């Protein structure tokens, strides 16, 4: 079974933005860990989030569901989730399901952070 690595970092560009770095597989077996991390950030009023997916190899509908489950609450609090560094396979899934219209996607994490 493939695993998911989740790293949460601050950055040097904008200290108000939380950076989540995902690696591996975001699927039915791993999505709850990602959702827990997002919910902890929201609970701590850290509502400006960049999710960097350079090393995310796979995302399933369960993984996509995490984004949908929190985005309304985050935006209601004046924040947003911006995505960066999607490889072509992951981007195609986001695009196919219309998520590219719901989330801003940037080529690099630096560009995503600066967009706040």
C-alpha atoms as a PDB file:
ATOM      1  CA  UNK A   1       0.000   0.000   0.000  1.00  0.00           C
ATOM      2  CA  UNK A   2       1.323   3.427  -0.956  1.00  0.00           C
ATOM      3  CA  UNK A   3       1.636   6.100   1.700  1.00  0.00           C
ATOM      4  CA  UNK A   4       1.264   9.841   2.014  1.00  0.00           C
ATOM      5  CA  UNK A   5       3.834  12.204   3.467  1.00  0.00           C
ATOM      6  CA  UNK A   6       2.505  15.499   4.844  1.00  0.00           C
ATOM      7  CA  UNK A   7       4.863  18.289   5.851  1.00  0.00           C
ATOM      8  CA  UNK A   8       3.630  21.633   7.168  1.00  0.00           C
ATOM      9  CA  UNK A   9       6.059  24.518   6.954  1.00  0.00           C
ATOM     10  CA  UNK A  10       6.168  28.250   7.348  1.00  0.00           C
ATOM     11  CA  UNK A  11       7.826  30.135   4.549  1.00  0.00           C
ATOM     12  CA  UNK A  12      10.074  33.151   4.117  1.00  0.00           C
ATOM     13  CA  UNK A  13       7.753  34.978   1.714  1.00  0.00           C
ATOM     14  CA  UNK A  14       4.612  35.454   3.830  1.00  0.00           C
ATOM     15  CA  UNK A  15       4.546  34.257   7.446  1.00  0.00           C
ATOM     16  CA  UNK A  16       0.725  34.279   7.420  1.00  0.00           C
ATOM     17  CA  UNK A  17       0.621  31.516   4.793  1.00  0.00           C
ATOM     18  CA  UNK A  18       0.871  27.881   5.824  1.00  0.00           C
ATOM     19  CA  UNK A  19       2.576  25.593   3.334  1.00  0.00           C
ATOM     20  CA  UNK A  20       1.520  21.953   3.150  1.00  0.00           C
ATOM     21  CA  UNK A  21       3.797  19.692   1.126  1.00  0.00           C
ATOM     22  CA  UNK A  22       2.200  16.434  -0.035  1.00  0.00           C
ATOM     23  CA  UNK A  23       4.159  13.453  -1.334  1.00  0.00           C
ATOM     24  CA  UNK A  24       2.967  10.011  -2.334  1.00  0.00           C
ATOM     25  CA  UNK A  25      -0.658   8.940  -2.648  1.00  0.00           C
ATOM     26  CA  UNK A  26      -3.702  10.921  -1.458  1.00  0.00           C
ATOM     27  CA  UNK A  27      -6.456   8.301  -1.549  1.00  0.00           C
ATOM     28  CA  UNK A  28      -9.096   6.487   0.503  1.00  0.00           C
ATOM     29  CA  UNK A  29      -6.412   5.131   2.845  1.00  0.00           C
ATOM     30  CA  UNK A  30      -4.616   8.432   3.481  1.00  0.00           C
ATOM     31  CA  UNK A  31      -7.114  11.278   3.012  1.00  0.00           C
ATOM     32  CA  UNK A  32      -8.148  11.418   6.680  1.00  0.00           C
ATOM     33  CA  UNK A  33      -4.612  12.348   7.766  1.00  0.00           C
ATOM     34  CA  UNK A  34      -4.591  15.227   5.282  1.00  0.00           C
ATOM     35  CA  UNK A  35      -8.054  16.345   6.374  1.00  0.00           C
ATOM     36  CA  UNK A  36      -6.973  16.290  10.034  1.00  0.00           C
ATOM     37  CA  UNK A  37      -3.998  18.534   9.218  1.00  0.00           C
ATOM     38  CA  UNK A  38      -6.218  21.006   7.351  1.00  0.00           C
ATOM     39  CA  UNK A  39      -8.780  21.049  10.174  1.00  0.00           C
ATOM     40  CA  UNK A  40      -6.007  21.741  12.711  1.00  0.00           C
ATOM     41  CA  UNK A  41      -4.862  24.734  10.660  1.00  0.00           C
ATOM     42  CA  UNK A  42      -8.437  26.040  10.434  1.00  0.00           C
ATOM     43  CA  UNK A  43      -8.917  25.563  14.187  1.00  0.00           C
ATOM     44  CA  UNK A  44      -5.764  27.657  14.721  1.00  0.00           C
ATOM     45  CA  UNK A  45      -7.141  30.387  12.380  1.00  0.00           C
ATOM     46  CA  UNK A  46      -4.493  29.659   9.758  1.00  0.00           C
ATOM     47  CA  UNK A  47      -6.768  30.056   6.774  1.00  0.00           C
ATOM     48  CA  UNK A  48      -4.260  31.017   4.083  1.00  0.00           C
ATOM     49  CA  UNK A  49      -2.921  27.710   2.823  1.00  0.00           C
ATOM     50  CA  UNK A  50      -0.759  26.639  -0.099  1.00  0.00           C
ATOM     51  CA  UNK A  51      -0.728  22.937  -0.915  1.00  0.00           C
ATOM     52  CA  UNK A  52       2.415  22.007  -2.842  1.00  0.00           C
ATOM     53  CA  UNK A  53       2.056  18.750  -4.770  1.00  0.00           C
ATOM     54  CA  UNK A  54       5.337  18.397  -6.642  1.00  0.00           C
ATOM     55  CA  UNK A  55       5.814  14.853  -5.328  1.00  0.00           C
ATOM     56  CA  UNK A  56       2.174  13.799  -5.137  1.00  0.00           C
ATOM     57  CA  UNK A  57       1.969  10.775  -7.400  1.00  0.00           C
ATOM     58  CA  UNK A  58      -1.760  10.084  -7.186  1.00  0.00           C
ATOM     59  CA  UNK A  59      -4.996  11.663  -5.982  1.00  0.00           C
ATOM     60  CA  UNK A  60      -8.339   9.861  -5.769  1.00  0.00           C
ATOM     61  CA  UNK A  61     -11.861  11.192  -5.386  1.00  0.00           C
ATOM     62  CA  UNK A  62     -11.472  10.793  -1.617  1.00  0.00           C
ATOM     63  CA  UNK A  63      -8.447  13.073  -1.745  1.00  0.00           C
ATOM     64  CA  UNK A  64     -10.305  15.628  -3.833  1.00  0.00           C
ATOM     65  CA  UNK A  65     -13.183  15.448  -1.388  1.00  0.00           C
ATOM     66  CA  UNK A  66     -10.943  16.800   1.356  1.00  0.00           C
ATOM     67  CA  UNK A  67     -10.469  20.029  -0.577  1.00  0.00           C
ATOM     68  CA  UNK A  68     -14.210  20.377  -1.079  1.00  0.00           C
ATOM     69  CA  UNK A  69     -14.989  19.606   2.553  1.00  0.00           C
ATOM     70  CA  UNK A  70     -12.935  22.533   3.892  1.00  0.00           C
ATOM     71  CA  UNK A  71     -12.852  25.202   1.192  1.00  0.00           C
ATOM     72  CA  UNK A  72     -16.205  26.771   2.091  1.00  0.00           C
ATOM     73  CA  UNK A  73     -15.249  27.197   5.739  1.00  0.00           C
ATOM     74  CA  UNK A  74     -11.819  28.574   4.859  1.00  0.00           C
ATOM     75  CA  UNK A  75     -13.215  31.112   2.401  1.00  0.00           C
ATOM     76  CA  UNK A  76     -15.947  32.112   4.848  1.00  0.00           C
ATOM     77  CA  UNK A  77     -13.157  33.028   7.276  1.00  0.00           C
ATOM     78  CA  UNK A  78     -11.448  35.169   4.636  1.00  0.00           C
ATOM     79  CA  UNK A  79      -8.835  32.608   3.643  1.00  0.00           C
ATOM     80  CA  UNK A  80      -8.206  30.365   0.673  1.00  0.00           C
ATOM     81  CA  UNK A  81      -6.361  27.277  -0.500  1.00  0.00           C
ATOM     82  CA  UNK A  82      -4.005  27.729  -3.434  1.00  0.00           C
ATOM     83  CA  UNK A  83      -2.341  24.799  -5.168  1.00  0.00           C
ATOM     84  CA  UNK A  84       1.132  24.560  -6.652  1.00  0.00           C
ATOM     85  CA  UNK A  85       3.489  22.268  -8.522  1.00  0.00           C
ATOM     86  CA  UNK A  86       0.891  19.773  -9.774  1.00  0.00           C
ATOM     87  CA  UNK A  87       2.370  17.133 -12.051  1.00  0.00           C
ATOM     88  CA  UNK A  88       0.486  16.429 -15.265  1.00  0.00           C
ATOM     89  CA  UNK A  89      -1.357  13.352 -13.927  1.00  0.00           C
ATOM     90  CA  UNK A  90      -2.662  15.142 -10.838  1.00  0.00           C
ATOM     91  CA  UNK A  91      -3.479  18.279 -12.830  1.00  0.00           C
ATOM     92  CA  UNK A  92      -5.563  16.233 -15.286  1.00  0.00           C
ATOM     93  CA  UNK A  93      -7.681  14.868 -12.424  1.00  0.00           C
ATOM     94  CA  UNK A  94      -8.277  18.391 -11.066  1.00  0.00           C
ATOM     95  CA  UNK A  95      -9.094  19.660 -14.554  1.00  0.00           C
ATOM     96  CA  UNK A  96     -11.357  16.764 -15.510  1.00  0.00           C
ATOM     97  CA  UNK A  97     -13.511  17.289 -12.430  1.00  0.00           C
ATOM     98  CA  UNK A  98     -13.664  21.081 -12.791  1.00  0.00           C
ATOM     99  CA  UNK A  99     -11.474  21.830  -9.781  1.00  0.00           C
ATOM    100  CA  UNK A 100      -9.302  24.149 -11.887  1.00  0.00           C
ATOM    101  CA  UNK A 101     -12.260  26.554 -11.840  1.00  0.00           C
ATOM    102  CA  UNK A 102     -12.593  26.335  -8.052  1.00  0.00           C
ATOM    103  CA  UNK A 103      -8.932  26.579  -7.020  1.00  0.00           C
ATOM    104  CA  UNK A 104      -6.083  28.745  -8.231  1.00  0.00           C
ATOM    105  CA  UNK A 105      -3.188  26.598  -9.433  1.00  0.00           C
ATOM    106  CA  UNK A 106       0.348  27.975  -9.707  1.00  0.00           C
ATOM    107  CA  UNK A 107       3.505  26.523 -11.266  1.00  0.00           C
ATOM    108  CA  UNK A 108       5.545  27.123  -8.079  1.00  0.00           C
ATOM    109  CA  UNK A 109       4.878  27.393  -4.363  1.00  0.00           C
ATOM    110  CA  UNK A 110       6.527  30.840  -4.344  1.00  0.00           C
ATOM    111  CA  UNK A 111       3.990  32.167  -6.856  1.00  0.00           C
ATOM    112  CA  UNK A 112       1.114  30.659  -4.887  1.00  0.00           C
ATOM    113  CA  UNK A 113       2.335  32.207  -1.623  1.00  0.00           C
ATOM    114  CA  UNK A 114       2.783  35.619  -3.253  1.00  0.00           C
ATOM    115  CA  UNK A 115      -0.797  35.448  -4.587  1.00  0.00           C
ATOM    116  CA  UNK A 116      -2.161  36.017  -1.053  1.00  0.00           C
END
